[in-house]
Every structure is written in C-alpha cells, then in structure tokens.
Amino acid sequence: MIGISSEQMSSRARRAARDTLLSGARDYTRARVLHRLLKDWPTGFPQAEPERSREIVRRLAAALRAERALGRAGHWTYDLNRHIALRQAHLAEAAALLRARRRREPGISAQREGAPG
C-alpha cells in the first residue's frame, strides 16, 4: 500500500483484530452462541453456577486450543470464523466468571482465569 509502512499496517491489523474480538465479546449472548460452539451444550454441563461457568470456560479453552492447532497445521477444516467466535465467547465467559467471583469474594485481584489466545 502506498504511503503506509509495514509497521503501520501491522499495527492497524492488530488493532482491528483486537477491536473485533472485544466488540464480539461485548455482544456475546450465551443462549445465542454457545450451542454452535460446544457439542453437548446444555445437557453435558453442571446446572449450578459457578461450576457451570467454570466448565464452559474450560471447554471453550480446549476448543480454542484445538482450533488453533488446526490453523497452525494448515488443516483444511480450520475455520477462522469459528476461531474468532470461540475467542469472543471465551473472553466473555471468562470475564463474567471473574466478575461473579469478585462479587462473592471482594478481595480478588484482577487476575485472569483461563486465558488462551
């Protein structure tokens, strides 16, 4: 591209990817999205909170690792849109779990629970 250095372009690309992930995480609705991402939702999950949320975050992290491995391997079944949706759902669920934990235990620091990229 004329007039834009590769450093500027990669900076803009990183910003665009970050903004996409964060806006998707803000708009995330468990009932609308999760059944598309996790096979046995909702029957294979505990009914009580916070165990249910912890299990969702754990399974999303595992699905994210698996999707990332497909992408790195160049596998034909890799789906960038699924990868983005998994990351958005993981960000939203982990943030909700952390907020709930802070409400229960006010002394909790801003640590991240289960943070795969």
N, C-alpha and C. Protein backbone atom coordinates (compact mmCIF):
# COMPACT_ATOMS: atom_id res chain seq x y z
N MET A 1 0.84 -1.17 0.00
CA MET A 1 0.00 0.00 0.00
C MET A 1 0.89 1.24 0.00
N ILE A 2 0.59 2.19 -0.82
CA ILE A 2 1.39 3.41 -0.93
C ILE A 2 1.11 4.30 0.28
N GLY A 3 2.20 4.80 0.89
CA GLY A 3 2.05 5.74 1.98
C GLY A 3 1.88 5.12 3.36
N ILE A 4 1.81 3.79 3.46
CA ILE A 4 1.67 3.15 4.76
C ILE A 4 2.79 2.14 4.92
N SER A 5 3.58 2.31 5.96
CA SER A 5 4.68 1.37 6.18
C SER A 5 4.14 0.04 6.68
N SER A 6 4.94 -1.00 6.57
CA SER A 6 4.51 -2.31 7.05
C SER A 6 4.28 -2.31 8.55
N GLU A 7 5.04 -1.49 9.29
CA GLU A 7 4.83 -1.39 10.73
C GLU A 7 3.47 -0.78 11.04
N GLN A 8 3.11 0.27 10.30
CA GLN A 8 1.80 0.88 10.50
C GLN A 8 0.69 -0.09 10.14
N MET A 9 0.90 -0.83 9.04
CA MET A 9 -0.12 -1.78 8.61
C MET A 9 -0.30 -2.87 9.65
N SER A 10 0.78 -3.42 10.17
CA SER A 10 0.63 -4.49 11.15
C SER A 10 0.03 -3.94 12.45
N SER A 11 0.35 -2.70 12.78
CA SER A 11 -0.25 -2.08 13.96
C SER A 11 -1.75 -1.91 13.76
N ARG A 12 -2.14 -1.47 12.58
CA ARG A 12 -3.56 -1.32 12.28
C ARG A 12 -4.28 -2.66 12.25
N ALA A 13 -3.62 -3.67 11.72
CA ALA A 13 -4.22 -5.01 11.67
C ALA A 13 -4.41 -5.56 13.08
N ARG A 14 -3.42 -5.37 13.95
CA ARG A 14 -3.55 -5.83 15.34
C ARG A 14 -4.69 -5.11 16.04
N ARG A 15 -4.78 -3.80 15.82
CA ARG A 15 -5.86 -3.02 16.43
C ARG A 15 -7.23 -3.48 15.93
N ALA A 16 -7.33 -3.74 14.63
CA ALA A 16 -8.60 -4.18 14.05
C ALA A 16 -9.00 -5.54 14.61
N ALA A 17 -8.03 -6.45 14.73
CA ALA A 17 -8.32 -7.78 15.30
C ALA A 17 -8.75 -7.65 16.75
N ARG A 18 -8.04 -6.85 17.52
CA ARG A 18 -8.40 -6.65 18.93
C ARG A 18 -9.79 -6.05 19.06
N ASP A 19 -10.08 -5.04 18.26
CA ASP A 19 -11.40 -4.40 18.33
C ASP A 19 -12.51 -5.36 17.95
N THR A 20 -12.27 -6.21 16.95
CA THR A 20 -13.25 -7.21 16.55
C THR A 20 -13.52 -8.19 17.68
N LEU A 21 -12.46 -8.68 18.31
CA LEU A 21 -12.62 -9.63 19.42
C LEU A 21 -13.37 -8.99 20.59
N LEU A 22 -12.99 -7.78 20.94
CA LEU A 22 -13.62 -7.13 22.09
C LEU A 22 -15.08 -6.78 21.83
N SER A 23 -15.39 -6.32 20.62
CA SER A 23 -16.79 -5.99 20.33
C SER A 23 -17.64 -7.25 20.30
N GLY A 24 -17.09 -8.35 19.79
CA GLY A 24 -17.83 -9.61 19.81
C GLY A 24 -18.04 -10.12 21.21
N ALA A 25 -17.05 -9.95 22.07
CA ALA A 25 -17.18 -10.38 23.46
C ALA A 25 -18.23 -9.54 24.18
N ARG A 26 -18.28 -8.25 23.88
CA ARG A 26 -19.30 -7.37 24.50
C ARG A 26 -20.71 -7.77 24.07
N ASP A 27 -20.87 -8.19 22.82
CA ASP A 27 -22.19 -8.53 22.28
C ASP A 27 -22.57 -9.99 22.49
N TYR A 28 -21.70 -10.76 23.14
CA TYR A 28 -21.91 -12.19 23.32
C TYR A 28 -23.13 -12.48 24.19
N THR A 29 -23.92 -13.44 23.73
CA THR A 29 -25.06 -13.94 24.49
C THR A 29 -24.96 -15.46 24.52
N ARG A 30 -24.84 -16.02 25.71
CA ARG A 30 -24.64 -17.46 25.86
C ARG A 30 -25.70 -18.27 25.12
N ALA A 31 -26.96 -17.93 25.29
CA ALA A 31 -28.05 -18.71 24.70
C ALA A 31 -28.02 -18.68 23.17
N ARG A 32 -27.51 -17.61 22.62
CA ARG A 32 -27.50 -17.45 21.16
C ARG A 32 -26.29 -18.12 20.51
N VAL A 33 -25.16 -18.21 21.20
CA VAL A 33 -23.91 -18.60 20.58
C VAL A 33 -23.40 -19.97 21.00
N LEU A 34 -23.52 -20.29 22.28
CA LEU A 34 -22.79 -21.43 22.83
C LEU A 34 -23.16 -22.77 22.20
N HIS A 35 -24.41 -22.96 21.84
CA HIS A 35 -24.81 -24.25 21.25
C HIS A 35 -24.13 -24.51 19.91
N ARG A 36 -23.66 -23.46 19.25
CA ARG A 36 -22.95 -23.63 17.98
C ARG A 36 -21.48 -23.98 18.18
N LEU A 37 -20.95 -23.65 19.35
CA LEU A 37 -19.52 -23.82 19.60
C LEU A 37 -19.17 -25.08 20.38
N LEU A 38 -20.06 -25.51 21.28
CA LEU A 38 -19.80 -26.67 22.13
C LEU A 38 -20.84 -27.74 21.86
N LYS A 39 -20.38 -28.93 21.56
CA LYS A 39 -21.26 -30.01 21.10
C LYS A 39 -22.38 -30.37 22.06
N ASP A 40 -22.08 -30.59 23.32
CA ASP A 40 -23.11 -31.10 24.23
C ASP A 40 -23.73 -30.03 25.13
N TRP A 41 -23.77 -28.81 24.64
CA TRP A 41 -24.44 -27.75 25.37
C TRP A 41 -25.93 -27.90 25.20
N PRO A 42 -26.78 -27.79 26.19
CA PRO A 42 -26.52 -27.56 27.61
C PRO A 42 -26.55 -28.83 28.45
N THR A 43 -26.86 -29.99 27.84
CA THR A 43 -27.09 -31.19 28.64
C THR A 43 -25.84 -31.71 29.34
N GLY A 44 -24.67 -31.53 28.79
CA GLY A 44 -23.46 -32.07 29.39
C GLY A 44 -22.78 -31.18 30.39
N PHE A 45 -23.50 -30.20 30.91
CA PHE A 45 -22.90 -29.22 31.82
C PHE A 45 -23.59 -29.23 33.17
N PRO A 46 -22.86 -28.90 34.23
CA PRO A 46 -23.50 -28.79 35.54
C PRO A 46 -24.57 -27.70 35.51
N GLN A 47 -25.58 -27.86 36.34
CA GLN A 47 -26.67 -26.88 36.36
C GLN A 47 -26.39 -25.70 37.29
N ALA A 48 -25.59 -25.91 38.30
CA ALA A 48 -25.35 -24.86 39.30
C ALA A 48 -24.21 -23.94 38.88
N GLU A 49 -24.39 -22.66 39.16
CA GLU A 49 -23.32 -21.68 38.98
C GLU A 49 -22.51 -21.67 40.26
N PRO A 50 -21.25 -21.44 40.30
CA PRO A 50 -20.34 -21.07 39.22
C PRO A 50 -19.71 -22.27 38.52
N GLU A 51 -20.05 -23.49 38.94
CA GLU A 51 -19.46 -24.68 38.31
C GLU A 51 -19.76 -24.71 36.81
N ARG A 52 -20.96 -24.32 36.46
CA ARG A 52 -21.37 -24.31 35.05
C ARG A 52 -20.48 -23.35 34.26
N SER A 53 -20.27 -22.16 34.76
CA SER A 53 -19.43 -21.18 34.07
C SER A 53 -17.98 -21.64 33.98
N ARG A 54 -17.47 -22.23 35.05
CA ARG A 54 -16.10 -22.74 35.01
C ARG A 54 -15.94 -23.83 33.95
N GLU A 55 -16.93 -24.71 33.86
CA GLU A 55 -16.89 -25.78 32.86
C GLU A 55 -16.98 -25.21 31.44
N ILE A 56 -17.80 -24.20 31.26
CA ILE A 56 -17.91 -23.55 29.95
C ILE A 56 -16.57 -22.94 29.56
N VAL A 57 -15.93 -22.21 30.47
CA VAL A 57 -14.63 -21.59 30.18
C VAL A 57 -13.60 -22.67 29.88
N ARG A 58 -13.61 -23.76 30.64
CA ARG A 58 -12.66 -24.85 30.41
C ARG A 58 -12.85 -25.46 29.03
N ARG A 59 -14.10 -25.73 28.66
CA ARG A 59 -14.36 -26.35 27.35
C ARG A 59 -14.11 -25.40 26.19
N LEU A 60 -14.40 -24.14 26.38
CA LEU A 60 -14.08 -23.16 25.35
C LEU A 60 -12.57 -23.06 25.15
N ALA A 61 -11.81 -23.10 26.24
CA ALA A 61 -10.35 -23.05 26.14
C ALA A 61 -9.83 -24.27 25.38
N ALA A 62 -10.39 -25.44 25.66
CA ALA A 62 -9.97 -26.66 24.95
C ALA A 62 -10.32 -26.58 23.47
N ALA A 63 -11.52 -26.11 23.15
CA ALA A 63 -11.94 -25.97 21.75
C ALA A 63 -11.07 -24.94 21.03
N LEU A 64 -10.71 -23.88 21.74
CA LEU A 64 -9.85 -22.85 21.16
C LEU A 64 -8.46 -23.40 20.86
N ARG A 65 -7.91 -24.19 21.78
CA ARG A 65 -6.61 -24.82 21.54
C ARG A 65 -6.67 -25.75 20.33
N ALA A 66 -7.74 -26.53 20.22
CA ALA A 66 -7.88 -27.45 19.10
C ALA A 66 -8.01 -26.70 17.78
N GLU A 67 -8.79 -25.62 17.76
CA GLU A 67 -8.96 -24.84 16.53
C GLU A 67 -7.65 -24.17 16.14
N ARG A 68 -6.93 -23.65 17.13
CA ARG A 68 -5.63 -23.03 16.86
C ARG A 68 -4.66 -24.04 16.27
N ALA A 69 -4.67 -25.28 16.79
CA ALA A 69 -3.79 -26.32 16.26
C ALA A 69 -4.12 -26.63 14.80
N LEU A 70 -5.40 -26.67 14.48
CA LEU A 70 -5.80 -26.88 13.07
C LEU A 70 -5.26 -25.76 12.18
N GLY A 71 -5.37 -24.54 12.65
CA GLY A 71 -4.89 -23.40 11.87
C GLY A 71 -3.39 -23.44 11.67
N ARG A 72 -2.66 -23.74 12.71
CA ARG A 72 -1.19 -23.80 12.61
C ARG A 72 -0.74 -24.92 11.69
N ALA A 73 -1.51 -26.00 11.68
CA ALA A 73 -1.16 -27.14 10.83
C ALA A 73 -1.58 -26.92 9.38
N GLY A 74 -2.36 -25.87 9.13
CA GLY A 74 -2.86 -25.63 7.79
C GLY A 74 -3.91 -26.63 7.36
N HIS A 75 -4.61 -27.19 8.32
CA HIS A 75 -5.61 -28.22 8.03
C HIS A 75 -6.79 -27.62 7.28
N TRP A 76 -7.35 -28.38 6.36
CA TRP A 76 -8.43 -27.87 5.51
C TRP A 76 -9.72 -27.59 6.29
N THR A 77 -9.87 -28.17 7.49
CA THR A 77 -11.10 -27.94 8.27
C THR A 77 -11.01 -26.71 9.17
N TYR A 78 -9.84 -26.06 9.21
CA TYR A 78 -9.71 -24.86 10.04
C TYR A 78 -10.69 -23.80 9.57
N ASP A 79 -11.34 -23.15 10.54
CA ASP A 79 -12.34 -22.12 10.23
C ASP A 79 -12.01 -20.87 11.03
N LEU A 80 -11.56 -19.84 10.34
CA LEU A 80 -11.19 -18.60 11.01
C LEU A 80 -12.38 -17.99 11.75
N ASN A 81 -13.56 -18.06 11.15
CA ASN A 81 -14.75 -17.50 11.81
C ASN A 81 -15.05 -18.25 13.10
N ARG A 82 -14.89 -19.57 13.11
CA ARG A 82 -15.09 -20.35 14.34
C ARG A 82 -14.05 -19.97 15.38
N HIS A 83 -12.80 -19.80 14.95
CA HIS A 83 -11.72 -19.41 15.85
C HIS A 83 -12.06 -18.07 16.51
N ILE A 84 -12.51 -17.11 15.73
CA ILE A 84 -12.88 -15.80 16.27
C ILE A 84 -14.05 -15.94 17.24
N ALA A 85 -15.06 -16.71 16.86
CA ALA A 85 -16.23 -16.88 17.73
C ALA A 85 -15.85 -17.56 19.04
N LEU A 86 -14.96 -18.55 18.97
CA LEU A 86 -14.50 -19.22 20.19
C LEU A 86 -13.78 -18.23 21.10
N ARG A 87 -12.92 -17.41 20.52
CA ARG A 87 -12.16 -16.44 21.32
C ARG A 87 -13.08 -15.40 21.94
N GLN A 88 -14.06 -14.92 21.17
CA GLN A 88 -15.01 -13.95 21.71
C GLN A 88 -15.82 -14.55 22.86
N ALA A 89 -16.29 -15.78 22.66
CA ALA A 89 -17.07 -16.45 23.71
C ALA A 89 -16.20 -16.68 24.94
N HIS A 90 -14.96 -17.10 24.73
CA HIS A 90 -14.06 -17.34 25.86
C HIS A 90 -13.79 -16.06 26.63
N LEU A 91 -13.53 -14.97 25.92
CA LEU A 91 -13.31 -13.68 26.60
C LEU A 91 -14.53 -13.28 27.43
N ALA A 92 -15.72 -13.40 26.85
CA ALA A 92 -16.94 -13.00 27.54
C ALA A 92 -17.22 -13.89 28.74
N GLU A 93 -17.10 -15.20 28.58
CA GLU A 93 -17.38 -16.13 29.69
C GLU A 93 -16.36 -15.98 30.81
N ALA A 94 -15.09 -15.83 30.46
CA ALA A 94 -14.05 -15.67 31.49
C ALA A 94 -14.26 -14.36 32.26
N ALA A 95 -14.63 -13.30 31.55
CA ALA A 95 -14.88 -12.02 32.22
C ALA A 95 -16.10 -12.12 33.14
N ALA A 96 -17.15 -12.79 32.69
CA ALA A 96 -18.34 -12.95 33.53
C ALA A 96 -18.02 -13.79 34.76
N LEU A 97 -17.22 -14.83 34.59
CA LEU A 97 -16.83 -15.67 35.71
C LEU A 97 -16.01 -14.88 36.72
N LEU A 98 -15.10 -14.06 36.24
CA LEU A 98 -14.28 -13.24 37.12
C LEU A 98 -15.13 -12.21 37.86
N ARG A 99 -16.10 -11.59 37.17
CA ARG A 99 -16.99 -10.64 37.84
C ARG A 99 -17.80 -11.32 38.94
N ALA A 100 -18.30 -12.52 38.65
CA ALA A 100 -19.08 -13.26 39.65
C ALA A 100 -18.20 -13.63 40.84
N ARG A 101 -16.98 -14.01 40.56
CA ARG A 101 -16.06 -14.37 41.63
C ARG A 101 -15.73 -13.16 42.51
N ARG A 102 -15.55 -12.01 41.88
CA ARG A 102 -15.28 -10.78 42.64
C ARG A 102 -16.46 -10.39 43.51
N ARG A 103 -17.68 -10.65 43.03
CA ARG A 103 -18.86 -10.35 43.85
C ARG A 103 -18.91 -11.25 45.08
N ARG A 104 -18.54 -12.53 44.89
CA ARG A 104 -18.56 -13.47 46.01
C ARG A 104 -17.40 -13.22 46.97
N GLU A 105 -16.23 -12.87 46.41
CA GLU A 105 -15.02 -12.68 47.21
C GLU A 105 -14.43 -11.32 46.87
N PRO A 106 -14.82 -10.28 47.56
CA PRO A 106 -14.42 -8.91 47.20
C PRO A 106 -12.91 -8.67 47.15
N GLY A 107 -12.10 -9.47 47.78
CA GLY A 107 -10.65 -9.25 47.79
C GLY A 107 -9.92 -9.82 46.58
N ILE A 108 -10.63 -10.37 45.60
CA ILE A 108 -10.00 -10.99 44.43
C ILE A 108 -9.34 -9.91 43.57
N SER A 109 -8.09 -10.18 43.15
CA SER A 109 -7.39 -9.23 42.29
C SER A 109 -7.86 -9.39 40.85
N ALA A 110 -7.30 -8.61 39.97
CA ALA A 110 -7.71 -8.61 38.56
C ALA A 110 -7.02 -9.72 37.78
N GLN A 111 -6.82 -10.87 38.37
CA GLN A 111 -6.18 -11.98 37.66
C GLN A 111 -7.12 -12.54 36.61
N ARG A 112 -6.54 -13.15 35.57
CA ARG A 112 -7.35 -13.72 34.50
C ARG A 112 -7.51 -15.21 34.74
N GLU A 113 -8.72 -15.70 34.51
CA GLU A 113 -8.99 -17.12 34.66
C GLU A 113 -8.99 -17.76 33.30
N GLY A 114 -8.08 -18.71 33.05
CA GLY A 114 -8.03 -19.45 31.79
C GLY A 114 -7.93 -18.53 30.61
N ALA A 115 -6.73 -18.20 30.17
CA ALA A 115 -6.59 -17.18 29.15
C ALA A 115 -5.82 -17.65 27.92
N PRO A 116 -6.35 -18.59 27.15
CA PRO A 116 -5.66 -18.93 25.90
C PRO A 116 -5.93 -17.86 24.86
N GLY A 117 -5.05 -17.72 23.88
CA GLY A 117 -5.20 -16.69 22.86
C GLY A 117 -5.84 -17.21 21.68
